[in-house]
């Protein structure tokens, strides 16, 4: 696959001249760590698997040899729907050795979303678990294998549940394959990863990053936080998420540090691993910090090794940050996106005012601006859209030139769609979003996608999905629904059943349903979602709406999904 990547010639020259870009690839950084610290622990997972750099390198070399003998050519895409297990890192490093592009896939994607991603990437091989979080992946894997023309092979990763006879397993590949003796040479400007993100559109977008994009972003980020090979990183986020992939897996091996992976976040498990492995930092969305704080109120944990907690991916309140500091968590805010890997951060040396009240400032090599609708720079303390430019910014959406041109201009500026304020020192504070996205615990949910599914329900005439505030997750999805017949009823349980039957990822399910007579619209006919957001905030603040309560011609029903 030869994707159309936007790498501006002048900016490429500038980034190379300043040392942000070079000739080394991620495979080179891995190999340097193996040579430097072969006996050091590279990765630990919650199931007790612990691999040194030398052990992991040997396994990855065997898998890379199998990939090459299976027909994987440099630039081919390998998709990996594996949770936070040590096997993910083995597969990732094997892809680097074979010259393949890794496509991490969230474990919670089901048939339709998974098929879309694989078809878009023209993936040749898919790695899946046998079983994870009540999901049997093998029927889904067999189905997509039959439907995706490019897909040649499924490899099953067994953890606690063995695969039935007839399935090719990772363990079998590692036992039977000869190692790849020499890493295939790739350019640092070649595509390294494809992570998918949902935005305002109703379908996911494949975000393309080169080796240089990833390396430069991590090096600048690590420099601000004084990260070194002595650090031990606990990653509670999915490794297929930008946070988990870049900071939970790639950053540690680039530095020669240790990666501690959680396949499913639970606050007691996270704190126990910090205590057991002497983790020096961790990173997650606001719910991670919230839940660990609540857990520490129940029993004590020794977190003296923890230098700080990086918090990003969902709005965090000043109160949570202060409460965390009181409990020994030095919470430091970061901001970024899959397209522009966290590019602002509060330094540990910043004043508490900057740490509590901002989302940091740009790291070395990255520029940030606040702009109006015509992309003109606004004065300090004036709300506008956040834009960033730098060697870390992605090089386009896979096979989506129009969307790429909309988000990434000719001068290399990426327009995030997020609203923010900037002070005279360059610190920004995210205040909202232009784009219609619900951020549930760090996961982006396209309201357009949710609305499209709701409109397929036989009882639904109109639908609008908006964010409702949640003290733990930041936001949850509330669906405003107009029914075709006034005598019809539609409960939250009905909606959950419908979404389940459609094989929709559970985090996209509406968690409250409001039945209304008609959607509020402006003179142009556009739905006034601000009115709906105000409405749900008012109701949640007063608690005056109950299931089945009637208000004029409107029947409102609400509830909460498990």
Protein backbone atom coordinates (compact mmCIF):
# COMPACT_ATOMS: atom_id res chain seq x y z
CA UNK A 1 0.00 0.00 0.00
CA UNK A 2 1.35 3.43 -0.98
CA UNK A 3 -0.75 6.02 0.91
CA UNK A 4 -0.86 9.66 -0.09
CA UNK A 5 0.97 11.36 2.76
CA UNK A 6 1.28 15.14 3.07
CA UNK A 7 4.90 15.93 3.94
CA UNK A 8 5.68 19.53 3.05
CA UNK A 9 9.16 19.75 1.49
CA UNK A 10 10.11 23.02 3.21
CA UNK A 11 8.94 21.83 6.62
CA UNK A 12 10.73 18.52 6.15
CA UNK A 13 13.96 20.41 5.47
CA UNK A 14 13.41 22.65 8.49
CA UNK A 15 12.67 19.74 10.85
CA UNK A 16 15.78 17.92 9.68
CA UNK A 17 17.92 21.04 10.01
CA UNK A 18 16.73 21.55 13.60
CA UNK A 19 17.24 17.90 14.49
CA UNK A 20 13.59 16.96 15.07
CA UNK A 21 13.61 14.57 12.12
CA UNK A 22 16.42 12.24 11.12
CA UNK A 23 17.19 8.92 9.49
CA UNK A 24 16.63 6.61 12.48
CA UNK A 25 13.42 4.57 12.51
CA UNK A 26 11.51 3.10 15.43
CA UNK A 27 13.17 -0.23 14.62
CA UNK A 28 16.55 1.47 15.12
CA UNK A 29 15.48 2.77 18.53
CA UNK A 30 14.29 -0.69 19.53
CA UNK A 31 17.56 -2.26 18.42
CA UNK A 32 19.57 0.34 20.34
CA UNK A 33 17.66 -0.48 23.53
CA UNK A 34 18.23 -4.21 23.04
CA UNK A 35 21.97 -3.60 22.64
CA UNK A 36 22.12 -1.22 25.61
CA UNK A 37 20.01 -3.08 28.18
CA UNK A 38 19.36 -6.65 26.98
CA UNK A 39 18.67 -8.07 30.45
CA UNK A 40 16.42 -5.25 31.58
CA UNK A 41 12.66 -5.84 31.82
CA UNK A 42 11.01 -4.41 28.72
CA UNK A 43 7.38 -5.24 29.44
CA UNK A 44 5.22 -6.60 32.25
CA UNK A 45 1.52 -7.35 31.96
CA UNK A 46 -1.22 -7.96 34.51
CA UNK A 47 -1.23 -11.68 33.80
CA UNK A 48 2.33 -11.98 35.08
CA UNK A 49 4.22 -12.19 31.80
CA UNK A 50 7.59 -10.46 32.18
CA UNK A 51 10.03 -10.18 29.27
CA UNK A 52 13.49 -8.67 29.05
CA UNK A 53 14.57 -6.75 25.98
CA UNK A 54 16.57 -9.77 24.79
CA UNK A 55 13.70 -12.21 25.35
CA UNK A 56 11.16 -10.00 23.63
CA UNK A 57 13.54 -9.31 20.74
CA UNK A 58 14.05 -13.04 20.15
CA UNK A 59 10.29 -13.67 20.03
CA UNK A 60 9.69 -10.67 17.78
CA UNK A 61 12.42 -11.86 15.39
CA UNK A 62 10.69 -15.24 15.05
CA UNK A 63 7.34 -13.58 14.39
CA UNK A 64 8.94 -11.17 11.91
CA UNK A 65 10.44 -14.14 10.06
CA UNK A 66 6.99 -15.71 9.83
CA UNK A 67 5.46 -12.41 8.62
CA UNK A 68 8.00 -12.15 5.82
CA UNK A 69 7.56 -15.77 4.79
CA UNK A 70 3.78 -15.23 4.83
CA UNK A 71 4.12 -12.59 2.14
CA UNK A 72 4.22 -9.39 4.16
CA UNK A 73 6.11 -6.78 2.17
CA UNK A 74 7.47 -3.45 3.46
CA UNK A 75 4.55 -1.05 3.84
CA UNK A 76 1.89 -3.76 4.16
CA UNK A 77 -0.57 -3.31 7.04
CA UNK A 78 -0.85 -5.73 9.94
CA UNK A 79 -3.88 -5.18 12.20
CA UNK A 80 -3.67 -6.02 15.90
CA UNK A 81 -6.86 -6.27 17.97
CA UNK A 82 -5.06 -7.31 21.15
CA UNK A 83 -5.53 -5.85 24.66
CA UNK A 84 -2.78 -4.56 26.94
CA UNK A 85 -0.81 -7.80 26.95
CA UNK A 86 2.91 -8.34 26.44
CA UNK A 87 2.02 -10.04 23.15
CA UNK A 88 1.03 -6.66 21.72
CA UNK A 89 4.58 -5.40 22.12
CA UNK A 90 5.96 -8.58 20.54
CA UNK A 91 3.72 -8.08 17.50
CA UNK A 92 4.55 -4.36 17.31
CA UNK A 93 8.31 -4.99 17.31
CA UNK A 94 7.87 -7.81 14.77
CA UNK A 95 6.09 -5.36 12.46
CA UNK A 96 9.01 -2.94 12.81
CA UNK A 97 11.50 -5.69 11.97
CA UNK A 98 9.47 -6.83 8.95
CA UNK A 99 8.92 -3.27 7.70
CA UNK A 100 5.15 -3.56 8.13
CA UNK A 101 2.77 -0.80 9.20
CA UNK A 102 1.01 -1.59 12.47
CA UNK A 103 -2.71 -0.90 12.77
CA UNK A 104 -3.70 -1.18 16.44
CA UNK A 105 -7.44 -1.90 16.73
CA UNK A 106 -9.45 -1.29 19.89
CA UNK A 107 -10.62 -4.59 21.42
CA UNK A 108 -14.15 -3.23 21.86
CA UNK A 109 -14.75 -2.85 18.11
CA UNK A 110 -17.21 -5.36 16.75
CA UNK A 111 -17.93 -6.78 13.31
CA UNK A 112 -18.99 -3.70 11.33
CA UNK A 113 -16.42 -1.29 12.77
CA UNK A 114 -13.65 -3.89 12.56
CA UNK A 115 -14.54 -4.70 8.95
CA UNK A 116 -14.48 -1.02 8.03
CA UNK A 117 -10.99 -0.59 9.48
CA UNK A 118 -9.55 -3.72 7.86
CA UNK A 119 -11.04 -2.88 4.48
CA UNK A 120 -9.75 0.69 4.65
CA UNK A 121 -6.23 -0.45 5.57
CA UNK A 122 -6.22 -3.38 3.14
CA UNK A 123 -4.88 -5.37 6.08
CA UNK A 124 -3.19 -8.65 5.24
CA UNK A 125 -2.96 -10.22 8.71
CA UNK A 126 -5.12 -9.78 11.80
CA UNK A 127 -4.13 -10.73 15.35
CA UNK A 128 -7.03 -11.32 17.76
CA UNK A 129 -7.42 -12.75 21.26
CA UNK A 130 -9.32 -15.98 21.76
CA UNK A 131 -11.53 -14.41 24.39
CA UNK A 132 -11.53 -11.09 26.23
CA UNK A 133 -14.10 -9.31 28.39
CA UNK A 134 -16.96 -11.71 27.64
CA UNK A 135 -16.33 -11.59 23.90
CA UNK A 136 -15.49 -14.64 21.80
CA UNK A 137 -13.45 -13.13 18.97
CA UNK A 138 -13.12 -16.16 16.74
CA UNK A 139 -16.57 -16.12 15.07
CA UNK A 140 -16.08 -12.43 14.30
CA UNK A 141 -12.57 -13.07 12.99
CA UNK A 142 -13.80 -15.87 10.72
CA UNK A 143 -16.54 -13.62 9.40
CA UNK A 144 -14.23 -10.74 8.48
CA UNK A 145 -11.71 -13.18 6.99
CA UNK A 146 -14.42 -14.31 4.57
CA UNK A 147 -15.47 -10.74 3.77
CA UNK A 148 -12.21 -8.75 3.45
CA UNK A 149 -10.41 -9.54 0.16
CA UNK A 150 -6.96 -8.40 1.33
CA UNK A 151 -7.05 -10.37 4.59
CA UNK A 152 -4.97 -13.53 4.26
CA UNK A 153 -4.55 -14.88 7.77
CA UNK A 154 -5.88 -14.71 11.33
CA UNK A 155 -3.43 -15.33 14.17
CA UNK A 156 -4.96 -16.05 17.57
CA UNK A 157 -3.36 -14.83 20.78
CA UNK A 158 -4.10 -17.26 23.62
CA UNK A 159 -3.87 -15.89 27.14
CA UNK A 160 -6.16 -17.71 29.54
CA UNK A 161 -8.47 -19.31 26.97
CA UNK A 162 -7.02 -21.82 24.44
CA UNK A 163 -8.06 -21.65 20.79
CA UNK A 164 -10.02 -24.55 19.27
CA UNK A 165 -8.28 -26.89 16.85
CA UNK A 166 -7.74 -25.47 13.39
CA UNK A 167 -6.75 -21.95 14.39
CA UNK A 168 -3.20 -20.68 13.92
CA UNK A 169 -1.92 -19.39 17.26
CA UNK A 170 0.85 -16.96 18.11
CA UNK A 171 2.46 -19.54 20.37
CA UNK A 172 2.64 -22.00 17.47
CA UNK A 173 4.21 -19.38 15.20
CA UNK A 174 6.81 -18.51 17.83
CA UNK A 175 7.65 -22.19 18.40
CA UNK A 176 7.93 -23.19 14.76
CA UNK A 177 9.35 -20.15 12.94
CA UNK A 178 12.94 -19.28 12.18
CA UNK A 179 13.93 -15.74 13.17
CA UNK A 180 14.42 -12.89 10.75
CA UNK A 181 18.16 -12.30 10.84
CA UNK A 182 18.24 -8.71 9.65
CA UNK A 183 15.67 -5.93 10.08
CA UNK A 184 14.24 -4.74 6.80
CA UNK A 185 15.41 -1.22 6.10
CA UNK A 186 12.75 1.50 6.01
CA UNK A 187 12.90 5.28 5.69
CA UNK A 188 12.12 7.42 8.72
CA UNK A 189 9.63 9.23 6.49
CA UNK A 190 7.75 6.01 5.73
CA UNK A 191 4.41 5.24 7.32
CA UNK A 192 4.82 3.54 10.72
CA UNK A 193 1.32 3.34 12.22
CA UNK A 194 -2.36 3.67 11.42
CA UNK A 195 -4.58 4.51 14.39
CA UNK A 196 -8.26 5.13 13.83
CA UNK A 197 -10.19 7.90 15.49
CA UNK A 198 -13.79 9.04 15.35
CA UNK A 199 -14.55 12.71 14.88
CA UNK A 200 -17.49 14.68 13.62
CA UNK A 201 -17.99 12.34 10.70
CA UNK A 202 -19.99 9.16 11.16
CA UNK A 203 -17.10 6.86 10.31
CA UNK A 204 -13.62 6.39 11.79
CA UNK A 205 -10.57 8.00 10.16
CA UNK A 206 -7.19 6.36 9.73
CA UNK A 207 -4.54 8.68 11.14
CA UNK A 208 -1.17 8.26 9.42
CA UNK A 209 2.07 8.80 11.35
CA UNK A 210 5.58 8.32 10.02
CA UNK A 211 8.51 7.08 12.09
CA UNK A 212 9.76 10.67 12.31
CA UNK A 213 6.35 11.91 13.52
CA UNK A 214 6.30 9.43 16.38
CA UNK A 215 9.97 9.74 17.33
CA UNK A 216 10.01 13.54 17.39
CA UNK A 217 6.83 13.77 19.44
CA UNK A 218 8.03 11.30 22.05
CA UNK A 219 11.50 12.87 22.33
CA UNK A 220 10.08 16.36 22.94
CA UNK A 221 7.48 15.04 25.37
CA UNK A 222 10.07 13.05 27.30
CA UNK A 223 12.39 16.05 27.49
CA UNK A 224 9.78 18.24 29.23
CA UNK A 225 8.99 15.51 31.76
CA UNK A 226 12.63 14.39 32.25
CA UNK A 227 11.77 10.81 31.28
CA UNK A 228 14.69 8.37 31.00
CA UNK A 229 15.44 4.68 30.78
CA UNK A 230 15.12 4.51 34.56
CA UNK A 231 11.39 5.20 34.35
CA UNK A 232 8.75 2.51 34.70
CA UNK A 233 5.50 3.42 32.95
CA UNK A 234 2.10 2.02 33.99
CA UNK A 235 -0.35 2.19 31.09
CA UNK A 236 -4.01 1.66 32.05
CA UNK A 237 -5.37 2.84 28.67
CA UNK A 238 -5.86 0.43 25.73
CA UNK A 239 -2.67 -0.02 23.74
CA UNK A 240 -4.68 0.57 20.55
CA UNK A 241 -5.54 4.06 21.82
CA UNK A 242 -3.11 6.87 20.94
CA UNK A 243 -2.29 7.28 24.65
CA UNK A 244 -1.50 3.60 25.15
CA UNK A 245 0.29 3.09 21.85
CA UNK A 246 2.56 6.13 21.96
CA UNK A 247 3.14 6.53 25.68
CA UNK A 248 2.52 3.08 27.13
CA UNK A 249 4.48 1.04 24.59
CA UNK A 250 6.61 3.20 22.27
CA UNK A 251 7.99 5.73 24.77
CA UNK A 252 9.40 3.11 27.18
CA UNK A 253 11.23 1.12 24.50
CA UNK A 254 12.60 4.26 22.84
CA UNK A 255 14.11 5.25 26.18
CA UNK A 256 15.13 1.75 27.25
CA UNK A 257 12.61 1.85 30.11
CA UNK A 258 9.95 -0.56 31.31
CA UNK A 259 6.33 -0.78 30.17
CA UNK A 260 3.73 -2.11 32.64
CA UNK A 261 0.44 -2.90 30.88
CA UNK A 262 -3.12 -3.27 32.15
CA UNK A 263 -5.57 -5.04 29.87
CA UNK A 264 -8.57 -3.73 31.79
CA UNK A 265 -8.43 -0.77 34.11
CA UNK A 266 -9.43 -1.37 37.69
CA UNK A 267 -8.21 1.09 40.30
CA UNK A 268 -7.10 -1.55 42.80
CA UNK A 269 -5.16 -3.42 40.11
CA UNK A 270 -3.53 -0.22 38.87
CA UNK A 271 -2.46 0.86 42.36
CA UNK A 272 -1.24 -2.64 43.19
CA UNK A 273 0.94 -2.65 40.08
CA UNK A 274 2.34 0.78 40.92
CA UNK A 275 3.21 -0.57 44.36
CA UNK A 276 4.57 -3.90 43.10
CA UNK A 277 6.56 -2.67 40.08
CA UNK A 278 7.64 0.65 41.60
CA UNK A 279 6.14 2.56 38.67
CA UNK A 280 7.44 6.10 38.33
CA UNK A 281 4.62 7.57 36.25
CA UNK A 282 1.30 6.72 34.64
CA UNK A 283 -1.10 8.35 32.22
CA UNK A 284 -4.84 8.22 31.66
CA UNK A 285 -8.08 10.10 31.28
CA UNK A 286 -9.83 11.79 34.20
CA UNK A 287 -11.77 8.64 35.26
CA UNK A 288 -8.46 6.87 35.92
CA UNK A 289 -7.40 9.56 38.40
CA UNK A 290 -10.90 9.75 39.90
CA UNK A 291 -11.17 6.00 40.47
CA UNK A 292 -7.67 5.64 41.92
CA UNK A 293 -8.40 8.48 44.35
CA UNK A 294 -11.60 6.75 45.48
CA UNK A 295 -9.74 3.47 45.90
CA UNK A 296 -7.06 5.10 48.05
CA UNK A 297 -9.77 6.29 50.41
CA UNK A 298 -10.67 2.62 51.00
CA UNK A 299 -7.19 1.28 51.73
CA UNK A 300 -3.58 2.56 51.72
CA UNK A 301 -1.13 1.90 48.89
CA UNK A 302 2.57 2.63 48.71
CA UNK A 303 2.86 4.93 45.71
CA UNK A 304 6.06 6.62 46.85
CA UNK A 305 7.77 5.63 43.58
CA UNK A 306 5.23 7.59 41.52
CA UNK A 307 6.65 10.90 40.29
CA UNK A 308 3.50 12.12 38.55
CA UNK A 309 0.27 11.19 36.79
CA UNK A 310 -0.35 12.55 33.30
CA UNK A 311 -4.01 13.35 32.75
CA UNK A 312 -5.50 13.89 29.31
CA UNK A 313 -8.15 12.64 26.90
CA UNK A 314 -11.16 13.98 28.81
CA UNK A 315 -11.89 17.22 30.68
CA UNK A 316 -10.42 17.25 34.18
CA UNK A 317 -11.59 19.59 36.89
CA UNK A 318 -9.45 21.78 39.08
CA UNK A 319 -10.91 20.00 42.11
CA UNK A 320 -9.78 16.56 40.92
CA UNK A 321 -6.27 17.87 40.31
CA UNK A 322 -6.08 19.42 43.77
CA UNK A 323 -7.57 16.38 45.49
CA UNK A 324 -5.05 14.19 43.71
CA UNK A 325 -2.12 16.30 44.84
CA UNK A 326 -3.39 16.08 48.42
CA UNK A 327 -3.28 12.26 48.11
CA UNK A 328 0.23 12.17 46.72
CA UNK A 329 -0.67 12.20 43.02
CA UNK A 330 1.16 14.95 41.21
CA UNK A 331 -1.36 15.32 38.40
CA UNK A 332 0.02 17.04 35.31
CA UNK A 333 -2.30 17.88 32.43
CA UNK A 334 -1.51 17.03 28.83
CA UNK A 335 -3.42 17.89 25.68
CA UNK A 336 -3.37 16.51 22.18
CA UNK A 337 -5.14 14.22 19.79
CA UNK A 338 -4.47 11.14 17.69
CA UNK A 339 -3.56 13.52 14.86
CA UNK A 340 -1.22 15.68 16.95
CA UNK A 341 0.16 13.39 19.65
CA UNK A 342 0.02 15.23 23.02
CA UNK A 343 1.75 18.46 22.21
CA UNK A 344 1.07 20.61 25.26
CA UNK A 345 1.99 19.62 28.79
CA UNK A 346 2.51 21.22 32.18
CA UNK A 347 6.09 20.80 33.32
CA UNK A 348 6.72 19.36 36.80
CA UNK A 349 8.55 22.64 37.50
CA UNK A 350 5.48 24.77 36.71
CA UNK A 351 3.68 26.70 39.41
CA UNK A 352 0.61 25.08 40.92
CA UNK A 353 -1.47 27.79 39.29
CA UNK A 354 -0.30 26.71 35.83
CA UNK A 355 -0.68 23.02 36.67
CA UNK A 356 -4.19 23.37 38.11
CA UNK A 357 -5.58 25.97 35.73
CA UNK A 358 -4.13 25.07 32.32
CA UNK A 359 -3.57 22.21 29.93
CA UNK A 360 0.08 23.09 29.50
CA UNK A 361 2.07 24.72 26.75
CA UNK A 362 3.70 23.46 23.58
CA UNK A 363 6.67 21.12 23.79
CA UNK A 364 9.90 21.79 21.89
CA UNK A 365 9.42 22.04 18.14
CA UNK A 366 5.64 22.43 18.33
CA UNK A 367 3.74 25.66 17.74
CA UNK A 368 0.22 26.35 18.97
CA UNK A 369 -2.20 29.08 17.98
CA UNK A 370 -5.75 30.13 18.82
CA UNK A 371 -7.63 31.10 15.66
CA UNK A 372 -11.00 32.33 14.48
CA UNK A 373 -13.19 30.74 11.82
CA UNK A 374 -10.94 32.15 9.10
CA UNK A 375 -7.83 30.77 10.81
CA UNK A 376 -6.61 34.21 11.87
CA UNK A 377 -4.65 34.31 15.12
CA UNK A 378 -6.65 35.73 18.02
CA UNK A 379 -5.41 37.88 20.92
CA UNK A 380 -4.49 36.31 24.27
CA UNK A 381 -7.40 35.29 26.51
CA UNK A 382 -9.79 35.18 23.51
CA UNK A 383 -11.61 31.93 22.89
CA UNK A 384 -11.02 30.29 19.54
CA UNK A 385 -10.01 27.05 17.85
CA UNK A 386 -6.77 25.37 18.90
CA UNK A 387 -4.30 24.72 16.08
CA UNK A 388 -0.89 23.08 16.23
CA UNK A 389 2.04 22.63 13.91
CA UNK A 390 5.18 20.60 14.39
CA UNK A 391 7.22 17.52 13.52
CA UNK A 392 4.78 15.35 15.48
CA UNK A 393 1.67 16.26 13.47
CA UNK A 394 0.19 13.49 11.35
CA UNK A 395 0.59 13.36 7.58
CA UNK A 396 -3.03 12.80 6.63
CA UNK A 397 -6.09 10.58 6.88
CA UNK A 398 -5.82 7.30 5.01
CA UNK A 399 -7.58 7.54 1.62
CA UNK A 400 -9.43 10.71 2.68
CA UNK A 401 -7.82 13.64 0.81
CA UNK A 402 -10.77 15.98 1.36
CA UNK A 403 -10.85 15.38 5.11
CA UNK A 404 -7.07 15.76 5.22
CA UNK A 405 -7.23 19.11 3.41
CA UNK A 406 -9.94 20.26 5.81
CA UNK A 407 -7.91 19.46 8.94
CA UNK A 408 -4.35 20.04 7.73
CA UNK A 409 -3.47 23.15 5.74
CA UNK A 410 -0.63 23.69 3.27
CA UNK A 411 1.56 25.27 5.93
CA UNK A 412 1.33 22.21 8.20
CA UNK A 413 -1.20 23.55 10.72
CA UNK A 414 -3.62 21.01 12.15
CA UNK A 415 -6.98 22.48 13.21
CA UNK A 416 -8.27 20.43 16.13
CA UNK A 417 -11.86 21.65 16.34
CA UNK A 418 -11.33 22.21 20.08
CA UNK A 419 -11.95 25.61 21.63
CA UNK A 420 -9.39 27.08 24.00
CA UNK A 421 -7.88 30.16 25.59
CA UNK A 422 -4.18 31.03 25.59
CA UNK A 423 -2.30 33.28 28.02
CA UNK A 424 0.78 35.42 27.43
CA UNK A 425 3.07 32.55 28.47
CA UNK A 426 1.66 30.22 25.83
CA UNK A 427 -0.34 28.05 28.25
CA UNK A 428 -3.70 26.93 26.89
CA UNK A 429 -6.93 25.93 28.56
CA UNK A 430 -9.39 23.78 26.61
CA UNK A 431 -12.88 25.24 26.99
CA UNK A 432 -15.05 23.20 24.65
CA UNK A 433 -15.37 21.81 21.14
CA UNK A 434 -16.44 23.06 17.79
CA UNK A 435 -16.89 19.56 16.47
CA UNK A 436 -19.81 17.47 17.55
CA UNK A 437 -18.05 14.82 19.60
CA UNK A 438 -18.88 13.26 22.94
CA UNK A 439 -15.79 12.32 24.97
CA UNK A 440 -16.64 9.47 27.32
CA UNK A 441 -13.70 8.69 29.57
CA UNK A 442 -11.21 9.60 26.85
CA UNK A 443 -13.05 7.75 24.04
CA UNK A 444 -14.43 9.88 21.20
CA UNK A 445 -18.02 9.12 20.21
CA UNK A 446 -19.41 10.56 17.00
CA UNK A 447 -22.88 11.89 17.74
CA UNK A 448 -23.61 11.60 14.01
CA UNK A 449 -22.93 7.86 14.14
CA UNK A 450 -25.15 7.39 17.20
CA UNK A 451 -27.93 9.38 15.55
CA UNK A 452 -27.67 7.32 12.38
CA UNK A 453 -28.15 4.10 14.32
CA UNK A 454 -31.09 5.53 16.26
CA UNK A 455 -32.77 6.60 13.02
CA UNK A 456 -32.70 3.00 11.84
CA UNK A 457 -34.97 2.01 14.72
CA UNK A 458 -38.49 1.40 13.36
CA UNK A 459 -40.09 3.61 16.02
CA UNK A 460 -37.78 6.64 15.63
CA UNK A 461 -38.58 9.65 13.45
CA UNK A 462 -35.85 12.07 14.55
CA UNK A 463 -32.88 11.79 16.87
CA UNK A 464 -30.08 13.90 18.30
CA UNK A 465 -27.23 12.76 20.55
CA UNK A 466 -25.54 15.17 22.93
CA UNK A 467 -23.10 15.00 25.81
CA UNK A 468 -24.41 15.03 29.34
CA UNK A 469 -21.98 15.80 32.18
CA UNK A 470 -20.67 12.98 34.33
CA UNK A 471 -18.42 13.49 37.38
CA UNK A 472 -16.36 10.37 36.65
CA UNK A 473 -16.22 9.93 32.87
CA UNK A 474 -16.51 13.62 31.98
CA UNK A 475 -19.37 12.99 29.55
CA UNK A 476 -21.93 10.33 28.68
CA UNK A 477 -24.31 10.13 25.72
CA UNK A 478 -27.89 11.33 26.00
CA UNK A 479 -30.23 10.60 23.10
CA UNK A 480 -33.14 12.93 22.33
CA UNK A 481 -35.65 10.95 20.30
CA UNK A 482 -38.87 11.82 18.45
CA UNK A 483 -41.14 8.84 17.85
CA UNK A 484 -43.12 8.19 14.67
CA UNK A 485 -46.33 7.50 16.59
CA UNK A 486 -47.41 9.35 19.71
CA UNK A 487 -48.71 6.11 21.19
CA UNK A 488 -45.33 4.36 20.89
CA UNK A 489 -42.95 3.89 23.80
CA UNK A 490 -39.20 3.52 23.72
CA UNK A 491 -37.15 2.75 26.81
CA UNK A 492 -33.41 2.86 27.35
CA UNK A 493 -33.48 -0.93 27.54
CA UNK A 494 -35.05 -1.01 24.05
CA UNK A 495 -32.26 1.22 22.72
CA UNK A 496 -29.53 -0.86 24.37
CA UNK A 497 -31.00 -4.03 22.85
CA UNK A 498 -31.13 -2.40 19.41
CA UNK A 499 -27.50 -1.22 19.59
CA UNK A 500 -26.42 -4.65 20.82
CA UNK A 501 -28.15 -6.35 17.90
CA UNK A 502 -26.33 -3.97 15.55
CA UNK A 503 -22.97 -5.05 17.02
CA UNK A 504 -22.12 -1.51 18.10
CA UNK A 505 -19.22 -1.00 20.52
CA UNK A 506 -20.69 -0.65 24.00
CA UNK A 507 -19.04 2.68 24.80
CA UNK A 508 -21.12 4.21 21.99
CA UNK A 509 -24.45 3.18 23.57
CA UNK A 510 -26.73 6.03 24.72
CA UNK A 511 -26.95 6.03 28.51
CA UNK A 512 -30.04 8.17 28.81
CA UNK A 513 -33.03 8.60 26.51
CA UNK A 514 -35.28 11.67 26.38
CA UNK A 515 -38.47 11.30 24.33
CA UNK A 516 -39.62 14.64 22.91
CA UNK A 517 -42.24 15.81 20.43
CA UNK A 518 -39.82 17.61 18.11
CA UNK A 519 -36.19 18.66 18.02
CA UNK A 520 -35.41 22.36 18.51
CA UNK A 521 -34.17 23.93 15.26
CA UNK A 522 -32.87 27.29 14.10
CA UNK A 523 -34.38 29.21 11.13
CA UNK A 524 -32.08 27.30 8.76
CA UNK A 525 -33.48 24.01 10.03
CA UNK A 526 -30.34 22.91 11.89
CA UNK A 527 -30.88 21.17 15.22
CA UNK A 528 -29.99 23.47 18.14
CA UNK A 529 -27.88 21.07 20.14
CA UNK A 530 -26.85 23.81 22.54
CA UNK A 531 -30.48 23.93 23.69
CA UNK A 532 -30.49 20.18 24.22
CA UNK A 533 -27.23 20.29 26.16
CA UNK A 534 -28.60 23.07 28.35
CA UNK A 535 -31.78 21.06 28.85
CA UNK A 536 -30.01 17.90 30.01
CA UNK A 537 -27.71 19.86 32.32
CA UNK A 538 -30.72 21.50 33.94
CA UNK A 539 -32.53 18.21 34.40
CA UNK A 540 -29.51 16.48 35.85
CA UNK A 541 -28.95 19.40 38.18
CA UNK A 542 -32.52 19.40 39.53
CA UNK A 543 -33.31 15.69 39.24
CA UNK A 544 -36.93 16.57 38.51
CA UNK A 545 -37.57 14.19 35.63
CA UNK A 546 -38.70 10.63 36.29
CA UNK A 547 -39.42 7.70 33.99
CA UNK A 548 -42.79 8.16 32.33
CA UNK A 549 -43.35 11.70 33.62
CA UNK A 550 -45.43 13.72 31.17
CA UNK A 551 -44.85 17.37 30.35
CA UNK A 552 -47.44 18.64 27.92
CA UNK A 553 -47.13 16.50 24.80
CA UNK A 554 -43.66 15.25 25.74
CA UNK A 555 -42.91 11.95 27.48
CA UNK A 556 -39.40 11.73 28.86
CA UNK A 557 -37.79 8.45 29.81
CA UNK A 558 -34.32 8.06 31.19
CA UNK A 559 -32.07 5.45 32.64
CA UNK A 560 -28.51 4.24 32.75
CA UNK A 561 -26.84 1.42 30.85
CA UNK A 562 -24.84 -1.08 32.82
